[in-house]
Structure formats: structure tokens, C-alpha cells
Amino acid sequence: MSYLSIFDIETTGCDVKKDCITEFCVWRVHPFTLAVIEKHRMFVKPPIPIPKRVAELTDITAQEVEDAYSFKVLAPAISLFMESTVWVGHNIKAFDIPILLREFSDNGVPAPKCNGFIDTLHMASTLRGRKFVDDLKLQSLARYFKIIAHAENQKHEAEDDVRINLEVLKHMGAGFFLENGYKIVPLVTTPIAVAQALRPPPVVLPTHNEVKEPGASACKSPLVEAIEKAVVFHDNAHYCGGKTTSGNQCRNRSTKSGLCAKHTA
């Protein structure tokens, strides 16, 4: 699996067709350990003014970005960093990705290749269909998973959003893993039921089926024949291999010939 690029943008507004990026933050994260490998945060000087209401919400004013580079200057570095990674963010499918790709297009810079994306807003809405928060805002998810205090508000800073989103991803990813990994088993409450549930299946030994040929008597199994012909050993005593008049094994001690004196005579 590719590295994850968890990113967030702050913009001049919510119109994906015309508003521009004012802040960009991206963290490179290992896909299995979710360890942060590298971080980048940058202010971007937009070609349009920042509305007052947006500046109050994000604390990014015109003075803040006055000396920042334009997106056209920063685009090659952003493209190189995000190339061939999995893009991760909250509501990135409907907002962040369209604006980011439009910025690349407007500035004549090829967009990086995306190896797929993970939208934590989509994850929260499809987690087995359970609505575990009143809304699916990142702030609500952060409060639910106790990433921020219940009375604490999200800062609406790109880097803080990335930090929170990484923790939300960890919690929801664990939820997906657990819900898809367990198996439903019958409830056992008594010691006998537990013992029966844990009891291994019985071992069934193969049975020998006697085969009868037409006009012939039943054939004895090779094992039975071998036992009948074998010399019986018991308590290290070597017994006679002969038969008694009733057809049973002779229990007299044998000589070197394998028979007792009676059968040898």
C-alpha cells in the first residue's frame, strides 16, 4: 500500500469553482503503523481577497499571507510530495480535492497522481450505518473519540485539522477492523455448555469392511491374520506359536524352534 498524504486546506470561501487556497498542510504517514514521517505547512497568497468572515473564522488575514508564495510557486513541491500516495482528509471528495485540482489546472501545473483517497466523512457515514454522532463534522468526531474536550472547539487551522483527522482515522479504522474481524458465536453461559463448545470433535478410526467374493467365505483382514500368525509376547516371555486342539494360541513356553516341547514332539 502507498504512503498516506493526510492533508487539509483553508480557503477564501466554500465555492469550489472560484475560491482559492490560503493555507495548505500535509503529513506523510506510514500506511500500516500510521506513524508520521514528514510534515509540511505553508501559507498561500491567493489571487482574490480574503473575506472578513473567513478571516475571523480561520485567523488568516491578508496581512498573514502578504509575504507568502502564490500557489503557482508552491505547486511543484506539493505535487512532488503527494505524488503516488493515498490522499486522506475530511470531506475531501466534495471540497478539498476539487479545489486542489482546480488550483493545479488554473496555474498550469500537472496535478500529482493519486493512488486513491480516504474520506473520513464518508467513513463516518458508512460505519455499519450507525449514526454515533449528531453530525459528521470533524469537530463532532473529535469530541466523540475524546481527541478534544467536549467543550473545546476546533481551531480551523490546517495543521490542527490534519492532526485531529489522523486520530479520527485511527479510531474509525480500528472500528472497521474489529467489526469486520469478529465472528458471531452462540452464547454459552453454563460450565457444561462451555465444555461442550470447547470439546474437540471425536476421532473416528477407519473400520475394516470384510469383502466377500462370490462362492467364498469372508476374508479376514490383514491385521487379524498377522495377529493370529504372530508369536505372542507377554511379560518378556516367549510363548509357543502352535495351536491347541480347540484352535486357541498355545500358552506353553517355546523352545528355540518357536514351538513348545509338546508341539515339537
Protein backbone atom coordinates (compact mmCIF):
# COMPACT_ATOMS: atom_id res chain seq x y z
CA MET A 1 0.00 0.00 0.00
CA SER A 2 1.18 3.54 -0.76
CA TYR A 3 2.08 6.12 1.85
CA LEU A 4 -0.78 8.28 3.11
CA SER A 5 -0.90 12.03 2.47
CA ILE A 6 -3.20 13.42 5.15
CA PHE A 7 -3.90 16.99 4.16
CA ASP A 8 -6.17 19.95 4.77
CA ILE A 9 -6.65 23.34 3.16
CA GLU A 10 -8.01 26.68 4.29
CA THR A 11 -9.61 28.78 1.56
CA THR A 12 -11.16 32.15 0.83
CA GLY A 13 -14.62 30.56 0.87
CA CYS A 14 -16.69 27.45 0.16
CA ASP A 15 -17.17 27.79 -3.61
CA VAL A 16 -15.07 25.03 -5.22
CA LYS A 17 -15.30 26.78 -8.60
CA LYS A 18 -13.77 30.12 -7.65
CA ASP A 19 -12.38 30.24 -4.10
CA CYS A 20 -8.63 29.82 -3.58
CA ILE A 21 -6.28 28.20 -1.06
CA THR A 22 -4.84 30.36 1.73
CA GLU A 23 -3.17 27.61 3.79
CA PHE A 24 -2.03 24.10 2.93
CA CYS A 25 -0.83 21.39 5.31
CA VAL A 26 0.10 17.79 4.52
CA TRP A 27 1.57 14.97 6.61
CA ARG A 28 3.12 11.86 5.13
CA VAL A 29 2.02 8.84 7.18
CA HIS A 30 3.04 5.18 7.09
CA PRO A 31 0.10 3.07 5.83
CA PHE A 32 0.40 0.32 8.49
CA THR A 33 1.87 1.92 11.60
CA LEU A 34 0.23 5.32 10.92
CA ALA A 35 3.44 6.92 12.14
CA VAL A 36 4.07 10.46 10.89
CA ILE A 37 7.11 10.52 8.62
CA GLU A 38 7.20 14.09 7.35
CA LYS A 39 5.21 17.32 7.80
CA HIS A 40 4.74 20.40 5.62
CA ARG A 41 2.68 23.52 6.31
CA MET A 42 2.58 26.66 4.20
CA PHE A 43 0.55 29.84 3.78
CA VAL A 44 -0.54 30.62 0.23
CA LYS A 45 -1.14 34.09 -1.17
CA PRO A 46 -4.48 33.93 -3.01
CA PRO A 47 -5.22 35.97 -6.15
CA ILE A 48 -8.52 37.15 -4.62
CA PRO A 49 -9.26 38.97 -1.32
CA ILE A 50 -9.97 37.07 1.89
CA PRO A 51 -13.47 37.93 3.16
CA LYS A 52 -13.68 39.32 6.68
CA ARG A 53 -15.91 36.49 7.94
CA VAL A 54 -13.43 33.90 6.65
CA ALA A 55 -10.51 35.74 8.25
CA GLU A 56 -12.35 35.74 11.59
CA LEU A 57 -13.04 32.02 11.32
CA THR A 58 -9.56 30.90 10.28
CA ASP A 59 -7.42 33.73 11.71
CA ILE A 60 -5.80 34.01 8.27
CA THR A 61 -5.83 37.65 7.23
CA ALA A 62 -4.49 39.46 4.19
CA GLN A 63 -1.51 40.59 6.28
CA GLU A 64 -0.82 36.94 7.25
CA VAL A 65 -0.36 35.87 3.63
CA GLU A 66 1.11 39.09 2.27
CA ASP A 67 4.64 37.67 2.10
CA ALA A 68 3.58 34.11 1.25
CA TYR A 69 4.23 32.45 -2.12
CA SER A 70 1.45 32.02 -4.66
CA PHE A 71 0.07 28.54 -5.34
CA LYS A 72 1.82 28.51 -8.73
CA VAL A 73 5.19 28.76 -6.99
CA LEU A 74 4.33 26.12 -4.37
CA ALA A 75 2.51 23.73 -6.72
CA PRO A 76 5.56 21.75 -7.97
CA ALA A 77 6.67 20.97 -4.40
CA ILE A 78 3.13 20.00 -3.36
CA SER A 79 2.77 17.81 -6.44
CA LEU A 80 6.09 16.05 -5.79
CA PHE A 81 5.20 15.38 -2.14
CA MET A 82 1.71 14.00 -2.86
CA GLU A 83 2.66 12.02 -5.98
CA SER A 84 1.56 8.35 -5.97
CA THR A 85 0.18 8.45 -2.43
CA VAL A 86 -3.24 7.83 -0.93
CA TRP A 87 -4.90 11.15 -0.11
CA VAL A 88 -6.67 11.35 3.24
CA GLY A 89 -8.85 14.07 4.67
CA HIS A 90 -12.29 15.05 5.92
CA ASN A 91 -14.82 15.91 3.22
CA ILE A 92 -12.00 15.93 0.66
CA LYS A 93 -14.11 14.26 -2.03
CA ALA A 94 -16.56 17.15 -2.23
CA PHE A 95 -14.35 20.07 -1.21
CA ASP A 96 -10.56 19.78 -0.79
CA ILE A 97 -9.75 17.63 -3.82
CA PRO A 98 -11.87 19.66 -6.33
CA ILE A 99 -10.29 22.93 -5.18
CA LEU A 100 -6.78 21.46 -5.14
CA LEU A 101 -7.10 20.02 -8.65
CA ARG A 102 -8.61 23.25 -9.94
CA GLU A 103 -5.71 25.23 -8.49
CA PHE A 104 -3.24 22.97 -10.29
CA SER A 105 -5.17 23.38 -13.54
CA ASP A 106 -5.55 27.17 -13.22
CA ASN A 107 -1.82 27.58 -12.63
CA GLY A 108 -0.76 25.25 -15.46
CA VAL A 109 0.95 22.71 -13.19
CA PRO A 110 0.28 18.97 -13.69
CA ALA A 111 -1.61 17.51 -10.73
CA PRO A 112 0.05 14.68 -8.80
CA LYS A 113 -1.09 11.10 -9.32
CA CYS A 114 -3.49 9.99 -6.62
CA ASN A 115 -3.35 6.30 -5.67
CA GLY A 116 -6.78 6.53 -4.09
CA PHE A 117 -8.34 8.56 -1.30
CA ILE A 118 -9.85 8.02 2.14
CA ASP A 119 -12.53 10.46 3.18
CA THR A 120 -13.19 10.24 6.92
CA LEU A 121 -16.55 11.95 6.39
CA HIS A 122 -17.57 9.05 4.14
CA MET A 123 -16.13 6.54 6.65
CA ALA A 124 -18.22 8.04 9.46
CA SER A 125 -21.39 7.91 7.37
CA THR A 126 -20.94 4.26 6.40
CA LEU A 127 -19.62 2.72 9.63
CA ARG A 128 -22.17 -0.09 9.54
CA GLY A 129 -24.89 2.52 9.11
CA ARG A 130 -24.70 3.63 12.72
CA LYS A 131 -25.15 7.29 13.49
CA PHE A 132 -22.95 7.66 16.55
CA VAL A 133 -22.72 11.48 16.42
CA ASP A 134 -25.36 14.15 15.81
CA ASP A 135 -23.49 15.34 12.73
CA LEU A 136 -20.44 14.19 10.82
CA LYS A 137 -18.29 17.27 11.30
CA LEU A 138 -14.66 16.67 12.18
CA GLN A 139 -15.16 18.54 15.46
CA SER A 140 -18.05 16.23 16.44
CA LEU A 141 -15.99 13.13 15.66
CA ALA A 142 -13.06 14.52 17.64
CA ARG A 143 -15.31 15.05 20.65
CA TYR A 144 -16.85 11.58 20.33
CA PHE A 145 -13.44 9.89 20.28
CA LYS A 146 -12.22 12.23 23.08
CA ILE A 147 -9.49 13.71 20.90
CA ILE A 148 -10.59 17.13 22.09
CA ALA A 149 -12.63 18.03 25.16
CA HIS A 150 -16.40 18.17 24.79
CA ALA A 151 -16.44 21.93 25.35
CA GLU A 152 -13.41 22.55 23.14
CA ASN A 153 -13.85 23.97 19.66
CA GLN A 154 -11.89 23.06 16.58
CA LYS A 155 -9.35 25.74 15.70
CA HIS A 156 -9.98 25.69 11.92
CA GLU A 157 -6.27 25.66 11.22
CA ALA A 158 -4.98 23.35 8.51
CA GLU A 159 -2.33 21.71 10.69
CA ASP A 160 -4.69 21.22 13.63
CA ASP A 161 -7.28 19.68 11.30
CA VAL A 162 -4.67 17.25 9.96
CA ARG A 163 -3.65 16.26 13.49
CA ILE A 164 -7.25 15.65 14.55
CA ASN A 165 -8.08 13.83 11.33
CA LEU A 166 -5.21 11.40 11.81
CA GLU A 167 -6.53 10.47 15.28
CA VAL A 168 -10.08 10.11 13.91
CA LEU A 169 -8.73 7.84 11.19
CA LYS A 170 -7.04 5.64 13.81
CA HIS A 171 -10.22 5.26 15.85
CA MET A 172 -12.55 4.60 12.92
CA GLY A 173 -10.02 2.33 11.24
CA ALA A 174 -9.88 0.23 14.40
CA GLY A 175 -13.68 0.15 14.45
CA PHE A 176 -13.82 -1.10 10.87
CA PHE A 177 -11.19 -3.75 11.62
CA LEU A 178 -12.97 -5.04 14.71
CA GLU A 179 -16.43 -5.06 13.16
CA ASN A 180 -15.22 -6.95 10.10
CA GLY A 181 -12.96 -9.28 12.05
CA TYR A 182 -15.21 -10.84 14.66
CA LYS A 183 -17.50 -13.83 14.14
CA ILE A 184 -20.87 -14.35 15.79
CA VAL A 185 -20.84 -17.45 18.01
CA PRO A 186 -23.61 -19.00 20.13
CA LEU A 187 -23.84 -17.60 23.65
CA VAL A 188 -22.71 -20.12 26.28
CA THR A 189 -23.47 -19.48 29.93
CA THR A 190 -23.11 -22.77 31.81
CA PRO A 191 -19.92 -24.78 32.53
CA ILE A 192 -21.35 -27.77 30.66
CA ALA A 193 -22.12 -25.65 27.61
CA VAL A 194 -18.64 -24.14 27.71
CA ALA A 195 -17.07 -27.62 27.95
CA GLN A 196 -19.17 -28.84 25.02
CA ALA A 197 -18.27 -25.81 22.95
CA LEU A 198 -14.57 -26.32 23.63
CA ARG A 199 -14.62 -30.10 23.20
CA PRO A 200 -12.71 -31.19 20.10
CA PRO A 201 -14.55 -33.33 17.55
CA PRO A 202 -14.32 -37.10 18.18
CA VAL A 203 -11.65 -39.02 16.31
CA VAL A 204 -13.28 -41.60 14.05
CA LEU A 205 -10.99 -44.53 13.32
CA PRO A 206 -11.37 -46.21 9.96
CA THR A 207 -13.13 -49.56 10.13
CA HIS A 208 -12.23 -52.66 8.13
CA ASN A 209 -15.02 -53.87 5.92
CA GLU A 210 -14.83 -57.55 5.15
CA VAL A 211 -15.12 -58.31 1.45
CA LYS A 212 -16.95 -61.46 0.36
CA GLU A 213 -16.26 -62.96 -3.02
CA PRO A 214 -18.98 -64.96 -4.73
CA GLY A 215 -18.86 -68.54 -3.50
CA ALA A 216 -16.16 -67.78 -0.97
CA SER A 217 -16.20 -67.22 2.77
CA ALA A 218 -15.45 -63.85 4.30
CA CYS A 219 -11.80 -62.75 4.05
CA LYS A 220 -10.03 -61.86 7.25
CA SER A 221 -8.34 -58.53 7.46
CA PRO A 222 -4.54 -58.48 7.02
CA LEU A 223 -4.23 -57.16 10.57
CA VAL A 224 -6.24 -60.08 12.03
CA GLU A 225 -4.21 -62.59 10.04
CA ALA A 226 -0.94 -61.05 11.18
CA ILE A 227 -2.02 -61.17 14.82
CA GLU A 228 -3.08 -64.82 14.52
CA LYS A 229 0.25 -65.83 12.96
CA ALA A 230 2.43 -63.78 15.26
CA VAL A 231 4.27 -65.24 18.20
CA VAL A 232 2.70 -63.89 21.37
CA PHE A 233 4.97 -61.95 23.76
CA HIS A 234 3.79 -61.33 27.28
CA ASP A 235 5.91 -60.20 30.24
CA ASN A 236 9.01 -60.78 28.12
CA ALA A 237 8.08 -64.49 27.89
CA HIS A 238 8.25 -66.19 24.51
CA TYR A 239 5.27 -68.49 24.05
CA CYS A 240 4.65 -71.33 21.63
CA GLY A 241 3.39 -70.43 18.22
CA GLY A 242 1.26 -73.53 17.94
CA LYS A 243 -2.44 -74.04 18.41
CA THR A 244 -4.36 -76.08 20.93
CA THR A 245 -6.94 -78.68 19.93
CA SER A 246 -9.63 -76.00 20.37
CA GLY A 247 -7.80 -73.70 17.96
CA ASN A 248 -6.55 -71.17 20.55
CA GLN A 249 -3.00 -69.92 20.96
CA CYS A 250 -0.78 -72.33 22.90
CA ARG A 251 0.37 -70.76 26.16
CA ASN A 252 3.35 -73.11 26.77
CA ARG A 253 6.83 -71.62 26.75
CA SER A 254 8.51 -72.17 23.41
CA THR A 255 11.91 -73.61 22.64
CA LYS A 256 14.43 -72.33 20.10
CA SER A 257 12.25 -73.80 17.35
CA GLY A 258 9.40 -71.43 18.26
CA LEU A 259 7.23 -74.32 19.50
CA CYS A 260 6.85 -75.93 22.90
CA ALA A 261 8.09 -79.45 23.65
CA LYS A 262 4.60 -80.83 23.17
CA HIS A 263 4.16 -79.41 19.69
CA THR A 264 7.74 -80.28 18.73
CA ALA A 265 7.37 -83.96 19.76
